């Protein structure tokens, strides 16, 4: 799935922070050496790998071939690790229940980055309350929230992460 443009900016900023240098756009991400992209993948939690793949898909053809083969032998393990982790996410067993977008696009460990979290507010508020309740309960021990109480849930989340 190609990552939407409105999410690309904050995601690129976060990726740049992890790598210690700015990444201007999808093309700049794709132009990084394969070893740097693989290092970025290692720094990301599993739930954030779809965002990386979504960014790379929008950067043009040949990027995945680059990750498969355009690196020294010392990076082969990182390449195999990246593709194995991503494949495990994509090929999850069908009996895991309903997909919760918050699990995939808002990893709880990323909530300490307040700039990133703030950039996800609109996304959070668009989610079904059942997904919000599940995610908030399992990750922060908050809720449940009544139907239509997305704003209240967001405020509770924001209060929790800013008070710790």
Protein backbone atom coordinates (compact mmCIF):
# COMPACT_ATOMS: atom_id res chain seq x y z
CA UNK A 1 0.00 0.00 0.00
CA UNK A 2 1.36 3.40 -0.99
CA UNK A 3 1.56 5.76 1.98
CA UNK A 4 -0.71 8.81 1.40
CA UNK A 5 1.02 12.14 0.75
CA UNK A 6 -0.51 13.79 3.84
CA UNK A 7 1.33 11.25 6.01
CA UNK A 8 4.60 11.29 4.08
CA UNK A 9 6.01 14.49 5.61
CA UNK A 10 5.80 13.48 9.28
CA UNK A 11 7.00 9.97 8.48
CA UNK A 12 10.03 11.30 6.58
CA UNK A 13 10.84 13.64 9.49
CA UNK A 14 10.76 10.69 11.88
CA UNK A 15 12.90 8.55 9.58
CA UNK A 16 15.38 11.41 9.30
CA UNK A 17 15.61 11.68 13.09
CA UNK A 18 16.36 7.99 13.37
CA UNK A 19 19.11 8.20 10.75
CA UNK A 20 20.48 11.48 12.06
CA UNK A 21 19.97 13.45 8.85
CA UNK A 22 17.02 15.04 7.06
CA UNK A 23 15.17 13.19 4.32
CA UNK A 24 13.47 15.69 2.02
CA UNK A 25 11.11 13.43 0.07
CA UNK A 26 10.38 9.88 -1.09
CA UNK A 27 13.05 10.13 -3.79
CA UNK A 28 15.69 11.13 -1.23
CA UNK A 29 14.68 8.10 0.86
CA UNK A 30 14.97 5.80 -2.15
CA UNK A 31 18.34 7.34 -3.08
CA UNK A 32 19.87 6.34 0.23
CA UNK A 33 22.31 3.45 -0.01
CA UNK A 34 20.70 0.08 0.58
CA UNK A 35 22.71 -0.29 3.79
CA UNK A 36 21.12 2.93 5.19
CA UNK A 37 17.59 1.87 4.28
CA UNK A 38 18.22 -1.51 5.90
CA UNK A 39 19.64 0.22 9.00
CA UNK A 40 16.48 2.35 9.14
CA UNK A 41 14.35 -0.79 8.91
CA UNK A 42 16.27 -2.28 11.84
CA UNK A 43 15.61 0.86 13.90
CA UNK A 44 11.85 0.71 13.27
CA UNK A 45 9.43 -1.38 15.33
CA UNK A 46 7.57 -4.05 13.35
CA UNK A 47 4.36 -2.01 13.30
CA UNK A 48 6.13 0.78 11.45
CA UNK A 49 7.55 -1.36 8.63
CA UNK A 50 4.41 -0.83 6.49
CA UNK A 51 5.09 2.92 6.59
CA UNK A 52 8.63 2.37 5.32
CA UNK A 53 7.42 0.04 2.57
CA UNK A 54 4.66 2.52 1.66
CA UNK A 55 7.23 5.31 1.35
CA UNK A 56 9.53 3.17 -0.77
CA UNK A 57 6.72 2.09 -3.09
CA UNK A 58 6.08 5.72 -3.93
CA UNK A 59 9.72 6.37 -4.78
CA UNK A 60 9.78 4.59 -8.10
CA UNK A 61 10.73 1.22 -9.56
CA UNK A 62 13.77 -0.81 -8.58
CA UNK A 63 13.95 0.01 -4.89
CA UNK A 64 13.19 -3.50 -3.65
CA UNK A 65 15.66 -5.01 -6.08
CA UNK A 66 18.20 -2.59 -4.61
CA UNK A 67 17.44 -3.89 -1.13
CA UNK A 68 17.69 -7.48 -2.29
CA UNK A 69 20.97 -7.22 -4.11
CA UNK A 70 22.73 -3.86 -4.11
CA UNK A 71 24.69 -4.24 -0.92
CA UNK A 72 27.86 -5.81 0.31
CA UNK A 73 27.89 -9.27 1.78
CA UNK A 74 28.02 -7.76 5.27
CA UNK A 75 24.51 -6.36 4.73
CA UNK A 76 22.95 -9.58 3.48
CA UNK A 77 21.77 -10.46 6.97
CA UNK A 78 20.06 -7.06 7.34
CA UNK A 79 18.35 -7.55 3.97
CA UNK A 80 17.09 -10.98 4.93
CA UNK A 81 15.95 -9.69 8.31
CA UNK A 82 13.99 -6.81 6.71
CA UNK A 83 12.18 -9.02 4.19
CA UNK A 84 11.49 -11.73 6.78
CA UNK A 85 10.02 -9.21 9.25
CA UNK A 86 7.87 -7.59 6.58
CA UNK A 87 6.69 -10.92 5.18
CA UNK A 88 5.68 -12.08 8.66
CA UNK A 89 3.56 -8.95 9.02
CA UNK A 90 1.94 -9.31 5.60
CA UNK A 91 1.32 -13.04 5.88
CA UNK A 92 -0.22 -13.03 9.35
CA UNK A 93 -2.60 -15.90 10.05
CA UNK A 94 -6.20 -15.13 9.09
CA UNK A 95 -7.56 -16.07 12.51
CA UNK A 96 -6.07 -13.06 14.32
CA UNK A 97 -9.38 -11.23 14.27
CA UNK A 98 -10.26 -7.81 12.93
CA UNK A 99 -7.46 -5.54 11.70
CA UNK A 100 -6.91 -2.49 13.90
CA UNK A 101 -5.32 0.39 11.93
CA UNK A 102 -3.99 1.90 15.15
CA UNK A 103 -1.81 -1.16 15.74
CA UNK A 104 -0.20 -0.73 12.33
CA UNK A 105 0.06 3.05 12.01
CA UNK A 106 0.46 4.26 15.58
CA UNK A 107 2.92 2.00 17.41
CA UNK A 108 2.62 2.76 21.14
CA UNK A 109 6.39 3.17 21.52
CA UNK A 110 6.20 6.07 19.04
CA UNK A 111 3.75 7.97 21.25
CA UNK A 112 6.65 9.43 23.27
CA UNK A 113 7.57 11.46 20.17
CA UNK A 114 5.05 14.24 20.71
CA UNK A 115 5.57 15.79 17.26
CA UNK A 116 4.86 12.46 15.62
CA UNK A 117 1.88 11.82 17.88
CA UNK A 118 0.44 15.27 17.17
CA UNK A 119 0.75 14.60 13.44
CA UNK A 120 -1.42 11.47 13.90
CA UNK A 121 -4.35 13.24 15.61
CA UNK A 122 -6.58 13.45 12.52
CA UNK A 123 -5.88 9.79 11.74
CA UNK A 124 -6.71 8.79 15.33
CA UNK A 125 -9.98 10.74 15.35
CA UNK A 126 -11.14 8.99 12.16
CA UNK A 127 -10.90 5.52 13.73
CA UNK A 128 -13.84 3.49 14.97
CA UNK A 129 -14.27 3.69 18.72
CA UNK A 130 -14.01 -0.11 19.00
CA UNK A 131 -10.47 0.09 17.56
CA UNK A 132 -9.59 3.03 19.79
CA UNK A 133 -10.87 1.21 22.89
CA UNK A 134 -8.93 -1.93 22.05
CA UNK A 135 -5.71 -0.05 21.33
CA UNK A 136 -5.98 2.32 24.32
CA UNK A 137 -6.81 -0.48 26.73
CA UNK A 138 -4.03 -2.83 25.66
CA UNK A 139 -1.33 -0.15 25.38
CA UNK A 140 -2.21 2.46 28.00
CA UNK A 141 -4.84 0.93 30.26
CA UNK A 142 -7.33 3.65 29.30
CA UNK A 143 -10.99 3.43 28.40
CA UNK A 144 -13.43 2.24 27.43
CA UNK A 145 -14.83 5.27 25.68
CA UNK A 146 -18.44 5.64 24.56
CA UNK A 147 -19.38 5.62 20.86
CA UNK A 148 -18.54 8.98 19.33
CA UNK A 149 -16.02 9.83 22.07
CA UNK A 150 -12.95 9.90 19.83
CA UNK A 151 -12.03 13.42 21.04
CA UNK A 152 -12.27 12.33 24.67
CA UNK A 153 -10.06 9.32 23.91
CA UNK A 154 -7.51 11.52 22.13
CA UNK A 155 -7.42 13.93 25.07
CA UNK A 156 -6.91 11.03 27.49
CA UNK A 157 -4.06 9.68 25.37
CA UNK A 158 -2.42 13.11 25.07
CA UNK A 159 -2.73 13.67 28.83
CA UNK A 160 -1.19 10.27 29.54
CA UNK A 161 1.85 10.70 27.29
CA UNK A 162 2.53 14.30 28.32
CA UNK A 163 2.25 13.55 32.03
CA UNK A 164 4.86 10.77 32.04
